Amino acid sequence: MGQYVVGRLAQSVVLLIFVSILTFGLIHVAPGGPAVLLAPGMSGAQIAEAQQSLGLNDPIPVQYVRWLGHLMHGDLGKSYSQGLDVTTLITKRLSVTLQLLFTALALSAIFGILIGVVSAMHRNSLIDHLATGFSFFGMSVPTFWLGLMLIILFSIKLHLLPSSGAQTLGQPATVTDRLEHLLMPAVVLAVANLAQIARYTRSSMIEVLQADYLRTARAKGLREQSVVWRHALRNAMIPVITVIALGIPRMVGGAAITESVFAWPGMGQLAVDSALQRDYPTIMGITMMVSVVVILTNFLTDLSYLLIDPRVKLSRG
């Protein structure tokens, strides 16, 4: 186990360096620049002076080494557009995004597994066909379209839920108010992942339910609920865990769209605004944060296999 952890940590460091080099190069060769966008109408001399003050006239490798040196000391730089430390900006937005991500992940995992199990238990029935249709709908519907439809229905037509923000302006923050603002964006972010989890759970459960050891369990007189939920589901969870884990990076990426649609003040909205403003330090800070989350998620997923199925062996490769 110790060798595996050390090996994975070494691989993670190399991968993070590769991601940082690729991202740094791409954002610096993109058309436009922060000096032009932050102060439109400046003369050529003023633009050149602003670029010089930001260190943007240096060769890209030199800029990268300088940024990497600051990163090694825990300094992500200062935002060009807001003048604040990138660490401070990300910290303020991170908790709001985590609320959205964890809520969406919980919804997708709980209801996805439940729908998949029920669908497998009633294979080729009306329930199964309805669950399959919902899964195909969830995986194909665009996130932004679903968000707009929910806003039109529940905010504009029915006046049941707020359409934007994380809390009602001018009123004290309450748990009820936060949940009302959280519900629609969490559902939108969860739908695609929920549908995929349901499909994989159904397929895995159908395969496991036909195993010989489950026939033996039934022959011994175990109740069907016990056979399904205590024995079959545990053995069917290995591929499902992989789907859940791989869905986290997609949800992190989808949060940018969801947060923009619902004006949710999280990291996704910050990433979009920073990209439009060519705020290089903020873009790099968010990219590295997301990369760490993705790598850590994959690592924890591998370790969780041991808890679900002790027969799984970990290797350094």
Protein backbone atom coordinates (compact mmCIF):
# COMPACT_ATOMS: atom_id res chain seq x y z
CA MET A 1 0.00 0.00 0.00
CA GLY A 2 2.80 2.41 0.89
CA GLN A 3 4.61 1.89 -2.42
CA TYR A 4 1.36 2.35 -4.29
CA VAL A 5 0.64 5.67 -2.56
CA VAL A 6 4.17 6.97 -3.21
CA GLY A 7 3.97 5.92 -6.86
CA ARG A 8 0.61 7.60 -7.35
CA LEU A 9 1.83 10.80 -5.69
CA ALA A 10 4.82 10.93 -8.04
CA GLN A 11 2.56 10.40 -11.05
CA SER A 12 0.24 13.14 -9.77
CA VAL A 13 3.05 15.68 -9.50
CA VAL A 14 4.20 14.96 -13.06
CA LEU A 15 0.63 15.22 -14.33
CA LEU A 16 0.04 18.53 -12.53
CA ILE A 17 3.20 19.99 -14.07
CA PHE A 18 2.09 18.86 -17.54
CA VAL A 19 -1.38 20.40 -17.03
CA SER A 20 0.13 23.66 -15.83
CA ILE A 21 2.49 23.91 -18.82
CA LEU A 22 -0.29 23.17 -21.30
CA THR A 23 -2.76 25.59 -19.72
CA PHE A 24 -0.18 28.35 -19.30
CA GLY A 25 0.88 28.08 -22.92
CA LEU A 26 -2.66 28.02 -24.31
CA ILE A 27 -3.95 31.05 -22.41
CA HIS A 28 -0.89 33.13 -23.32
CA VAL A 29 -1.08 32.42 -27.04
CA ALA A 30 -4.83 33.11 -27.20
CA PRO A 31 -5.83 36.32 -29.05
CA GLY A 32 -6.24 39.46 -26.98
CA GLY A 33 -4.73 40.21 -23.64
CA PRO A 34 -5.55 41.53 -20.16
CA ALA A 35 -4.04 44.97 -20.78
CA VAL A 36 -6.40 45.67 -23.69
CA LEU A 37 -9.49 44.25 -22.02
CA LEU A 38 -8.97 45.86 -18.62
CA ALA A 39 -8.41 49.36 -19.99
CA PRO A 40 -10.08 49.78 -23.38
CA GLY A 41 -9.26 52.94 -25.29
CA MET A 42 -5.63 53.11 -24.16
CA SER A 43 -2.96 54.18 -26.61
CA GLY A 44 -0.36 51.76 -27.92
CA ALA A 45 2.26 53.17 -25.57
CA GLN A 46 -0.04 52.78 -22.57
CA ILE A 47 -0.84 49.20 -23.54
CA ALA A 48 2.86 48.40 -23.85
CA GLU A 49 3.51 49.97 -20.45
CA ALA A 50 0.68 47.96 -18.85
CA GLN A 51 1.98 44.74 -20.39
CA GLN A 52 5.47 45.53 -19.12
CA SER A 53 4.17 46.13 -15.59
CA LEU A 54 2.35 42.78 -15.69
CA GLY A 55 5.45 41.00 -16.96
CA LEU A 56 3.71 39.93 -20.16
CA ASN A 57 6.52 41.07 -22.45
CA ASP A 58 8.86 38.37 -21.18
CA PRO A 59 9.11 35.10 -23.13
CA ILE A 60 6.40 32.61 -22.16
CA PRO A 61 8.90 30.09 -20.67
CA VAL A 62 10.29 32.86 -18.44
CA GLN A 63 6.78 33.83 -17.33
CA TYR A 64 5.97 30.18 -16.59
CA VAL A 65 9.10 29.63 -14.49
CA ARG A 66 8.33 32.82 -12.55
CA TRP A 67 4.73 31.68 -11.97
CA LEU A 68 5.89 28.19 -10.95
CA GLY A 69 8.35 29.71 -8.48
CA HIS A 70 5.56 31.68 -6.82
CA LEU A 71 3.37 28.57 -6.79
CA MET A 72 6.04 26.59 -4.95
CA HIS A 73 5.76 29.18 -2.17
CA GLY A 74 1.96 28.93 -2.07
CA ASP A 75 1.41 32.13 -4.06
CA LEU A 76 -1.08 31.87 -6.93
CA GLY A 77 -0.56 35.49 -7.88
CA LYS A 78 -2.89 38.48 -7.97
CA SER A 79 -5.99 38.82 -10.12
CA TYR A 80 -5.58 41.29 -12.99
CA SER A 81 -9.28 42.21 -13.03
CA GLN A 82 -10.05 42.45 -9.30
CA GLY A 83 -6.66 43.23 -7.78
CA LEU A 84 -7.05 40.55 -5.09
CA ASP A 85 -4.96 37.50 -4.34
CA VAL A 86 -6.13 34.55 -6.42
CA THR A 87 -6.10 32.38 -3.29
CA THR A 88 -8.53 34.78 -1.62
CA LEU A 89 -10.83 34.82 -4.66
CA ILE A 90 -10.89 31.04 -4.94
CA THR A 91 -11.42 30.57 -1.19
CA LYS A 92 -14.46 32.87 -1.25
CA ARG A 93 -16.03 31.01 -4.16
CA LEU A 94 -14.95 27.47 -3.27
CA SER A 95 -17.38 26.88 -0.42
CA VAL A 96 -20.32 27.99 -2.57
CA THR A 97 -19.30 25.68 -5.41
CA LEU A 98 -18.73 22.76 -3.02
CA GLN A 99 -22.27 23.16 -1.71
CA LEU A 100 -23.57 22.85 -5.26
CA LEU A 101 -21.28 19.96 -6.23
CA PHE A 102 -21.87 17.85 -3.11
CA THR A 103 -25.63 18.35 -3.33
CA ALA A 104 -25.66 17.41 -7.02
CA LEU A 105 -23.37 14.44 -6.40
CA ALA A 106 -25.55 13.15 -3.56
CA LEU A 107 -28.70 13.51 -5.65
CA SER A 108 -27.17 11.76 -8.66
CA ALA A 109 -25.65 8.89 -6.64
CA ILE A 110 -28.66 8.17 -4.41
CA PHE A 111 -31.37 8.42 -7.05
CA GLY A 112 -29.20 6.97 -9.83
CA ILE A 113 -28.46 3.81 -7.84
CA LEU A 114 -32.08 3.55 -6.67
CA ILE A 115 -33.48 3.90 -10.19
CA GLY A 116 -30.91 1.44 -11.56
CA VAL A 117 -31.68 -1.22 -8.95
CA VAL A 118 -35.46 -0.89 -9.34
CA SER A 119 -35.09 -0.99 -13.13
CA ALA A 120 -33.00 -4.18 -12.95
CA MET A 121 -35.46 -5.84 -10.56
CA HIS A 122 -38.33 -5.11 -12.99
CA ARG A 123 -36.47 -5.84 -16.20
CA ASN A 124 -38.45 -5.25 -19.43
CA SER A 125 -41.43 -3.91 -17.48
CA LEU A 126 -43.07 -0.49 -17.79
CA ILE A 127 -40.95 0.74 -14.88
CA ASP A 128 -37.82 -0.39 -16.68
CA HIS A 129 -38.87 1.33 -19.92
CA LEU A 130 -39.66 4.58 -18.10
CA ALA A 131 -36.31 4.49 -16.30
CA THR A 132 -34.50 3.81 -19.58
CA GLY A 133 -36.30 6.70 -21.28
CA PHE A 134 -35.41 9.04 -18.42
CA SER A 135 -31.77 7.95 -18.62
CA PHE A 136 -31.53 8.69 -22.33
CA PHE A 137 -33.22 12.05 -21.79
CA GLY A 138 -30.88 12.97 -18.95
CA MET A 139 -27.75 12.10 -20.91
CA SER A 140 -28.81 13.97 -24.03
CA VAL A 141 -30.50 17.15 -22.80
CA PRO A 142 -28.22 20.25 -22.83
CA THR A 143 -27.50 21.61 -19.36
CA PHE A 144 -28.17 25.24 -20.24
CA TRP A 145 -31.51 24.37 -21.90
CA LEU A 146 -32.70 22.35 -18.91
CA GLY A 147 -31.71 25.17 -16.59
CA LEU A 148 -33.63 27.75 -18.61
CA MET A 149 -36.71 25.49 -18.78
CA LEU A 150 -36.70 25.04 -14.99
CA ILE A 151 -36.36 28.79 -14.48
CA ILE A 152 -39.30 29.45 -16.81
CA LEU A 153 -41.46 26.81 -15.10
CA PHE A 154 -40.66 27.15 -11.40
CA SER A 155 -39.61 30.81 -11.20
CA ILE A 156 -41.56 32.67 -13.88
CA LYS A 157 -44.71 30.58 -14.24
CA LEU A 158 -45.23 29.04 -10.79
CA HIS A 159 -43.22 31.51 -8.66
CA LEU A 160 -42.06 28.66 -6.42
CA LEU A 161 -38.26 28.98 -6.54
CA PRO A 162 -35.81 31.86 -7.01
CA SER A 163 -34.19 32.04 -10.44
CA SER A 164 -30.68 33.19 -9.53
CA GLY A 165 -28.13 33.79 -6.82
CA ALA A 166 -27.31 31.91 -3.65
CA GLN A 167 -29.57 33.87 -1.32
CA THR A 168 -32.23 36.55 -1.39
CA LEU A 169 -30.68 40.02 -1.40
CA GLY A 170 -31.59 42.29 1.48
CA GLN A 171 -32.76 39.43 3.70
CA PRO A 172 -30.91 37.52 6.42
CA ALA A 173 -29.40 34.23 5.27
CA THR A 174 -31.41 31.19 6.35
CA VAL A 175 -31.12 27.47 5.63
CA THR A 176 -34.52 27.44 3.91
CA ASP A 177 -33.60 30.35 1.66
CA ARG A 178 -30.27 28.73 0.69
CA LEU A 179 -31.97 25.41 -0.08
CA GLU A 180 -34.54 27.15 -2.29
CA HIS A 181 -31.75 28.80 -4.29
CA LEU A 182 -29.73 25.57 -4.37
CA LEU A 183 -32.43 23.17 -5.55
CA MET A 184 -32.69 23.99 -9.26
CA PRO A 185 -28.97 24.34 -10.06
CA ALA A 186 -28.22 21.14 -8.12
CA VAL A 187 -30.89 19.21 -10.02
CA VAL A 188 -29.64 20.53 -13.38
CA LEU A 189 -26.06 19.62 -12.54
CA ALA A 190 -27.08 16.17 -11.28
CA VAL A 191 -29.37 15.04 -14.10
CA ALA A 192 -26.78 13.86 -16.65
CA ASN A 193 -24.68 12.09 -14.03
CA LEU A 194 -27.76 10.57 -12.41
CA ALA A 195 -28.90 9.12 -15.73
CA GLN A 196 -25.52 7.56 -16.41
CA ILE A 197 -25.29 6.07 -12.91
CA ALA A 198 -28.75 4.58 -13.35
CA ARG A 199 -27.79 2.94 -16.65
CA TYR A 200 -24.59 1.42 -15.29
CA THR A 201 -26.29 0.29 -12.08
CA ARG A 202 -29.01 -1.43 -14.07
CA SER A 203 -26.53 -3.26 -16.33
CA SER A 204 -24.32 -4.31 -13.44
CA MET A 205 -27.26 -5.46 -11.31
CA ILE A 206 -28.75 -7.55 -14.14
CA GLU A 207 -25.45 -9.36 -14.50
CA VAL A 208 -25.00 -9.92 -10.76
CA LEU A 209 -28.59 -11.03 -10.16
CA GLN A 210 -27.96 -14.01 -12.44
CA ALA A 211 -24.91 -15.20 -10.47
CA ASP A 212 -24.91 -18.68 -8.94
CA TYR A 213 -24.22 -17.51 -5.40
CA LEU A 214 -27.42 -15.45 -5.42
CA ARG A 215 -29.42 -18.50 -6.47
CA THR A 216 -27.84 -20.29 -3.52
CA ALA A 217 -28.79 -17.42 -1.21
CA ARG A 218 -32.39 -17.59 -2.38
CA ALA A 219 -32.40 -21.37 -1.95
CA LYS A 220 -31.35 -20.90 1.67
CA GLY A 221 -34.47 -18.87 2.25
CA LEU A 222 -33.11 -15.33 2.29
CA ARG A 223 -35.67 -12.64 1.52
CA GLU A 224 -35.43 -11.09 -1.95
CA GLN A 225 -34.84 -7.62 -0.48
CA SER A 226 -31.87 -8.96 1.47
CA VAL A 227 -30.50 -10.74 -1.61
CA VAL A 228 -30.75 -7.60 -3.72
CA TRP A 229 -29.71 -4.84 -1.35
CA ARG A 230 -27.17 -6.64 0.87
CA HIS A 231 -25.53 -9.09 -1.52
CA ALA A 232 -26.16 -8.19 -5.16
CA LEU A 233 -25.77 -4.42 -4.86
CA ARG A 234 -22.43 -4.62 -3.08
CA ASN A 235 -20.93 -6.76 -5.83
CA ALA A 236 -22.49 -4.58 -8.53
CA MET A 237 -21.01 -1.38 -7.10
CA ILE A 238 -17.47 -1.66 -8.55
CA PRO A 239 -18.32 -0.28 -12.02
CA VAL A 240 -20.84 2.11 -10.49
CA ILE A 241 -18.20 3.63 -8.21
CA THR A 242 -16.03 4.23 -11.27
CA VAL A 243 -18.91 6.02 -13.02
CA ILE A 244 -19.59 8.16 -9.95
CA ALA A 245 -15.92 9.09 -9.65
CA LEU A 246 -15.54 9.89 -13.34
CA GLY A 247 -18.68 11.98 -13.11
CA ILE A 248 -17.11 14.36 -10.58
CA PRO A 249 -14.75 16.01 -13.12
CA ARG A 250 -17.65 16.35 -15.55
CA MET A 251 -19.74 17.96 -12.85
CA VAL A 252 -16.90 20.36 -12.02
CA GLY A 253 -16.79 21.34 -15.70
CA GLY A 254 -20.57 21.51 -15.93
CA ALA A 255 -20.67 23.78 -12.90
CA ALA A 256 -19.32 26.60 -15.07
CA ILE A 257 -22.42 26.43 -17.30
CA THR A 258 -24.85 25.81 -14.46
CA GLU A 259 -23.48 28.63 -12.33
CA SER A 260 -23.65 31.01 -15.29
CA VAL A 261 -27.30 30.11 -16.01
CA PHE A 262 -28.39 30.53 -12.39
CA ALA A 263 -25.89 33.30 -11.49
CA TRP A 264 -24.59 31.03 -8.74
CA PRO A 265 -21.56 32.86 -7.27
CA GLY A 266 -19.10 29.97 -7.33
CA MET A 267 -15.84 29.01 -8.98
CA GLY A 268 -17.53 28.12 -12.26
CA GLN A 269 -18.82 31.64 -12.74
CA LEU A 270 -15.45 33.00 -11.64
CA ALA A 271 -13.73 30.83 -14.26
CA VAL A 272 -15.99 32.11 -17.05
CA ASP A 273 -15.52 35.74 -16.02
CA SER A 274 -11.75 35.28 -15.73
CA ALA A 275 -11.53 33.70 -19.18
CA LEU A 276 -13.47 36.57 -20.75
CA GLN A 277 -11.20 39.11 -19.04
CA ARG A 278 -7.97 37.20 -19.82
CA ASP A 279 -7.24 37.10 -16.09
CA TYR A 280 -4.29 34.71 -16.42
CA PRO A 281 -3.43 34.21 -12.71
CA THR A 282 -7.04 33.41 -11.79
CA ILE A 283 -7.43 31.00 -14.70
CA MET A 284 -4.25 29.18 -13.69
CA GLY A 285 -5.31 29.04 -10.05
CA ILE A 286 -8.71 27.56 -10.87
CA THR A 287 -7.17 25.09 -13.33
CA MET A 288 -4.70 23.79 -10.76
CA MET A 289 -7.41 23.54 -8.12
CA VAL A 290 -9.67 21.53 -10.42
CA SER A 291 -6.75 19.31 -11.50
CA VAL A 292 -5.95 18.47 -7.88
CA VAL A 293 -9.61 17.60 -7.25
CA VAL A 294 -9.76 15.31 -10.29
CA ILE A 295 -6.50 13.51 -9.43
CA LEU A 296 -7.46 13.12 -5.77
CA THR A 297 -10.88 11.79 -6.75
CA ASN A 298 -9.38 9.11 -8.98
CA PHE A 299 -6.93 8.11 -6.25
CA LEU A 300 -9.65 7.80 -3.60
CA THR A 301 -11.77 5.81 -6.04
CA ASP A 302 -9.01 3.24 -6.45
CA LEU A 303 -8.69 2.92 -2.69
CA SER A 304 -12.43 2.55 -2.25
CA TYR A 305 -12.34 -0.60 -4.39
CA LEU A 306 -10.57 -2.35 -1.51
CA LEU A 307 -13.43 -1.54 0.84
CA ILE A 308 -16.09 -2.76 -1.59
CA ASP A 309 -14.29 -5.88 -2.83
CA PRO A 310 -11.18 -7.18 -0.97
CA ARG A 311 -10.33 -9.31 -4.02
CA VAL A 312 -9.22 -6.15 -5.84
CA LYS A 313 -5.44 -5.71 -5.76
CA LEU A 314 -3.74 -2.35 -6.21
CA SER A 315 -0.56 -1.98 -8.24
CA ARG A 316 1.81 0.88 -8.88
CA GLY A 317 1.29 0.72 -12.65
